[in-house]
Amino acid sequence: MVDRARLFELKQKGYCCSQIIMQLGLEDAGKEDNPDLIQAMSGLCDGLRTGMVCGILSGSACLIALLEPEDSPVLIEELTEWFRGEYEEKNGGITCKDILAGDQLNRTIKCPRMLEATYDMVCEILEAHGYEFKNRQ
């Protein structure tokens, strides 16, 4: 399970969803801090800054590709199918624009719940395919 206090702490630092996903993943995997990578992840914020594909999903795909590069195509497809099944119908799509639905309060209502559930699913998918997290409880 995601440490909600840590998630909130990263949000308070100004991190967006894709940056939070990557930072949590680096920490749980026991990887070194990588401020340049976290900064690069900001390019995925707010749906590529244009309301396109959700940063939770795109950030998760990047984390999977970092931790399991050889198996990442299959694992990302599995994650994407799950994400679509969970969120597409509820939100009318999986873009940041669809999810926010013109209401910025959704950033504090919907997004944290989606981020938590998606991060847990990423970890579940990785672990099911043999990845061992060093610091995940």
C-alpha atoms as a PDB file:
ATOM      1  CA  MET A   1       0.000   0.000   0.000  1.00  0.00           C
ATOM      2  CA  VAL A   2       1.064   3.524  -0.730  1.00  0.00           C
ATOM      3  CA  ASP A   3       2.180   5.552   2.261  1.00  0.00           C
ATOM      4  CA  ARG A   4      -0.473   8.274   2.058  1.00  0.00           C
ATOM      5  CA  ALA A   5       1.584  10.644   4.175  1.00  0.00           C
ATOM      6  CA  ARG A   6       4.469  10.293   1.701  1.00  0.00           C
ATOM      7  CA  LEU A   7       2.104  10.851  -1.222  1.00  0.00           C
ATOM      8  CA  PHE A   8       0.788  14.037   0.429  1.00  0.00           C
ATOM      9  CA  GLU A   9       4.331  15.176   1.237  1.00  0.00           C
ATOM     10  CA  LEU A  10       5.386  14.837  -2.414  1.00  0.00           C
ATOM     11  CA  LYS A  11       2.267  16.715  -3.546  1.00  0.00           C
ATOM     12  CA  GLN A  12       3.088  19.503  -1.071  1.00  0.00           C
ATOM     13  CA  LYS A  13       6.571  19.723  -2.635  1.00  0.00           C
ATOM     14  CA  GLY A  14       4.849  20.579  -5.902  1.00  0.00           C
ATOM     15  CA  TYR A  15       5.267  17.213  -7.614  1.00  0.00           C
ATOM     16  CA  CYS A  16       2.641  16.224 -10.161  1.00  0.00           C
ATOM     17  CA  CYS A  17       1.204  12.715 -10.530  1.00  0.00           C
ATOM     18  CA  SER A  18       3.867  11.374 -12.890  1.00  0.00           C
ATOM     19  CA  GLN A  19       6.663  12.677 -10.664  1.00  0.00           C
ATOM     20  CA  ILE A  20       5.044  11.192  -7.555  1.00  0.00           C
ATOM     21  CA  ILE A  21       4.695   7.777  -9.209  1.00  0.00           C
ATOM     22  CA  MET A  22       8.367   7.792 -10.205  1.00  0.00           C
ATOM     23  CA  GLN A  23       9.637   9.068  -6.850  1.00  0.00           C
ATOM     24  CA  LEU A  24       7.629   6.460  -4.939  1.00  0.00           C
ATOM     25  CA  GLY A  25       8.913   3.779  -7.302  1.00  0.00           C
ATOM     26  CA  LEU A  26      12.541   4.819  -6.888  1.00  0.00           C
ATOM     27  CA  GLU A  27      12.176   4.821  -3.114  1.00  0.00           C
ATOM     28  CA  ASP A  28      10.384   1.456  -2.933  1.00  0.00           C
ATOM     29  CA  ALA A  29      12.868  -0.121  -5.359  1.00  0.00           C
ATOM     30  CA  GLY A  30      15.790   1.078  -3.249  1.00  0.00           C
ATOM     31  CA  LYS A  31      17.195   3.141  -6.119  1.00  0.00           C
ATOM     32  CA  GLU A  32      19.263   6.280  -5.633  1.00  0.00           C
ATOM     33  CA  ASP A  33      17.537   9.644  -5.682  1.00  0.00           C
ATOM     34  CA  ASN A  34      17.500  10.956  -9.216  1.00  0.00           C
ATOM     35  CA  PRO A  35      16.434  14.616  -9.292  1.00  0.00           C
ATOM     36  CA  ASP A  36      17.103  14.865 -13.039  1.00  0.00           C
ATOM     37  CA  LEU A  37      14.762  11.970 -13.767  1.00  0.00           C
ATOM     38  CA  ILE A  38      12.083  13.427 -11.487  1.00  0.00           C
ATOM     39  CA  GLN A  39      12.466  16.771 -13.261  1.00  0.00           C
ATOM     40  CA  ALA A  40      12.185  15.062 -16.664  1.00  0.00           C
ATOM     41  CA  MET A  41       8.953  13.407 -15.497  1.00  0.00           C
ATOM     42  CA  SER A  42       7.431  16.879 -15.194  1.00  0.00           C
ATOM     43  CA  GLY A  43       7.035  16.794 -18.971  1.00  0.00           C
ATOM     44  CA  LEU A  44       4.206  14.309 -18.401  1.00  0.00           C
ATOM     45  CA  CYS A  45       2.392  16.543 -15.873  1.00  0.00           C
ATOM     46  CA  ASP A  46      -1.185  17.506 -16.603  1.00  0.00           C
ATOM     47  CA  GLY A  47      -1.418  15.150 -19.555  1.00  0.00           C
ATOM     48  CA  LEU A  48       1.734  16.303 -21.361  1.00  0.00           C
ATOM     49  CA  ARG A  49       0.802  19.834 -20.251  1.00  0.00           C
ATOM     50  CA  THR A  50      -2.121  19.701 -22.693  1.00  0.00           C
ATOM     51  CA  GLY A  51      -4.753  17.598 -20.900  1.00  0.00           C
ATOM     52  CA  MET A  52      -3.871  14.482 -22.901  1.00  0.00           C
ATOM     53  CA  VAL A  53      -3.120  11.034 -21.424  1.00  0.00           C
ATOM     54  CA  CYS A  54      -3.240  10.972 -17.630  1.00  0.00           C
ATOM     55  CA  GLY A  55       0.140  11.501 -15.964  1.00  0.00           C
ATOM     56  CA  ILE A  56      -0.638   8.702 -13.540  1.00  0.00           C
ATOM     57  CA  LEU A  57      -0.729   6.228 -16.415  1.00  0.00           C
ATOM     58  CA  SER A  58       2.178   7.676 -18.409  1.00  0.00           C
ATOM     59  CA  GLY A  59       4.329   7.999 -15.276  1.00  0.00           C
ATOM     60  CA  SER A  60       3.520   4.413 -14.350  1.00  0.00           C
ATOM     61  CA  ALA A  61       4.555   3.238 -17.806  1.00  0.00           C
ATOM     62  CA  CYS A  62       7.878   5.033 -17.359  1.00  0.00           C
ATOM     63  CA  LEU A  63       8.409   3.411 -13.959  1.00  0.00           C
ATOM     64  CA  ILE A  64       7.729  -0.045 -15.377  1.00  0.00           C
ATOM     65  CA  ALA A  65      10.128   0.621 -18.267  1.00  0.00           C
ATOM     66  CA  LEU A  66      12.803   1.703 -15.789  1.00  0.00           C
ATOM     67  CA  LEU A  67      12.442  -1.261 -13.438  1.00  0.00           C
ATOM     68  CA  GLU A  68      11.701  -4.054 -15.950  1.00  0.00           C
ATOM     69  CA  PRO A  69      12.934  -2.854 -19.352  1.00  0.00           C
ATOM     70  CA  GLU A  70      12.860  -6.235 -21.090  1.00  0.00           C
ATOM     71  CA  ASP A  71       9.302  -7.106 -20.069  1.00  0.00           C
ATOM     72  CA  SER A  72       7.963  -3.560 -20.125  1.00  0.00           C
ATOM     73  CA  PRO A  73       5.893  -3.808 -23.348  1.00  0.00           C
ATOM     74  CA  VAL A  74       3.800  -6.650 -21.908  1.00  0.00           C
ATOM     75  CA  LEU A  75       3.606  -5.158 -18.421  1.00  0.00           C
ATOM     76  CA  ILE A  76       2.611  -1.709 -19.684  1.00  0.00           C
ATOM     77  CA  GLU A  77      -0.098  -3.272 -21.819  1.00  0.00           C
ATOM     78  CA  GLU A  78      -1.397  -5.129 -18.760  1.00  0.00           C
ATOM     79  CA  LEU A  79      -1.404  -1.917 -16.726  1.00  0.00           C
ATOM     80  CA  THR A  80      -3.110   0.058 -19.484  1.00  0.00           C
ATOM     81  CA  GLU A  81      -5.868  -2.533 -19.828  1.00  0.00           C
ATOM     82  CA  TRP A  82      -6.440  -2.418 -16.079  1.00  0.00           C
ATOM     83  CA  PHE A  83      -6.401   1.412 -16.045  1.00  0.00           C
ATOM     84  CA  ARG A  84      -8.886   1.645 -18.884  1.00  0.00           C
ATOM     85  CA  GLY A  85     -11.163  -0.882 -17.198  1.00  0.00           C
ATOM     86  CA  GLU A  86     -11.061   1.030 -13.923  1.00  0.00           C
ATOM     87  CA  TYR A  87     -11.315   4.612 -15.145  1.00  0.00           C
ATOM     88  CA  GLU A  88     -12.320   5.031 -18.785  1.00  0.00           C
ATOM     89  CA  GLU A  89     -16.067   4.543 -18.455  1.00  0.00           C
ATOM     90  CA  LYS A  90     -16.299   6.410 -15.126  1.00  0.00           C
ATOM     91  CA  ASN A  91     -14.557   9.456 -16.584  1.00  0.00           C
ATOM     92  CA  GLY A  92     -15.511   9.324 -20.240  1.00  0.00           C
ATOM     93  CA  GLY A  93     -11.873   8.633 -21.145  1.00  0.00           C
ATOM     94  CA  ILE A  94      -8.403   8.408 -19.672  1.00  0.00           C
ATOM     95  CA  THR A  95      -7.051  11.807 -20.534  1.00  0.00           C
ATOM     96  CA  CYS A  96      -6.278  14.314 -17.835  1.00  0.00           C
ATOM     97  CA  LYS A  97      -8.978  16.502 -19.353  1.00  0.00           C
ATOM     98  CA  ASP A  98     -11.575  13.700 -19.118  1.00  0.00           C
ATOM     99  CA  ILE A  99     -10.662  12.887 -15.527  1.00  0.00           C
ATOM    100  CA  LEU A 100     -10.679  16.484 -14.315  1.00  0.00           C
ATOM    101  CA  ALA A 101     -13.910  17.203 -16.221  1.00  0.00           C
ATOM    102  CA  GLY A 102     -13.357  20.944 -15.946  1.00  0.00           C
ATOM    103  CA  ASP A 103     -13.353  20.796 -12.134  1.00  0.00           C
ATOM    104  CA  GLN A 104      -9.968  21.517 -10.554  1.00  0.00           C
ATOM    105  CA  LEU A 105     -11.226  20.031  -7.265  1.00  0.00           C
ATOM    106  CA  ASN A 106     -10.854  16.650  -8.930  1.00  0.00           C
ATOM    107  CA  ARG A 107      -7.090  17.104  -8.522  1.00  0.00           C
ATOM    108  CA  THR A 108      -7.617  16.741  -4.784  1.00  0.00           C
ATOM    109  CA  ILE A 109     -10.559  14.330  -4.898  1.00  0.00           C
ATOM    110  CA  LYS A 110     -10.146  11.878  -7.802  1.00  0.00           C
ATOM    111  CA  CYS A 111      -6.470  12.052  -8.611  1.00  0.00           C
ATOM    112  CA  PRO A 112      -4.990  10.977  -5.252  1.00  0.00           C
ATOM    113  CA  ARG A 113      -7.259   7.914  -5.123  1.00  0.00           C
ATOM    114  CA  MET A 114      -6.400   7.036  -8.718  1.00  0.00           C
ATOM    115  CA  LEU A 115      -2.694   7.561  -8.067  1.00  0.00           C
ATOM    116  CA  GLU A 116      -2.766   5.313  -5.008  1.00  0.00           C
ATOM    117  CA  ALA A 117      -4.701   2.521  -6.749  1.00  0.00           C
ATOM    118  CA  THR A 118      -2.570   2.707  -9.889  1.00  0.00           C
ATOM    119  CA  TYR A 119       0.726   2.695  -8.014  1.00  0.00           C
ATOM    120  CA  ASP A 120      -0.430  -0.350  -6.046  1.00  0.00           C
ATOM    121  CA  MET A 121      -1.383  -2.051  -9.330  1.00  0.00           C
ATOM    122  CA  VAL A 122       2.016  -1.237 -10.866  1.00  0.00           C
ATOM    123  CA  CYS A 123       3.706  -2.861  -7.879  1.00  0.00           C
ATOM    124  CA  GLU A 124       1.366  -5.851  -8.051  1.00  0.00           C
ATOM    125  CA  ILE A 125       2.068  -6.345 -11.766  1.00  0.00           C
ATOM    126  CA  LEU A 126       5.827  -6.024 -11.281  1.00  0.00           C
ATOM    127  CA  GLU A 127       5.871  -8.402  -8.320  1.00  0.00           C
ATOM    128  CA  ALA A 128       3.723 -10.938 -10.188  1.00  0.00           C
ATOM    129  CA  HIS A 129       6.430 -10.949 -12.870  1.00  0.00           C
ATOM    130  CA  GLY A 130       9.255 -11.494 -10.391  1.00  0.00           C
ATOM    131  CA  TYR A 131      10.344  -7.949  -9.483  1.00  0.00           C
ATOM    132  CA  GLU A 132      11.350  -7.609  -5.843  1.00  0.00           C
ATOM    133  CA  PHE A 133      10.992  -4.220  -4.193  1.00  0.00           C
ATOM    134  CA  LYS A 134      13.588  -3.562  -1.509  1.00  0.00           C
ATOM    135  CA  ASN A 135      11.685  -1.005   0.570  1.00  0.00           C
ATOM    136  CA  ARG A 136       7.994  -1.642  -0.083  1.00  0.00           C
ATOM    137  CA  GLN A 137       5.868  -2.651   2.898  1.00  0.00           C
END
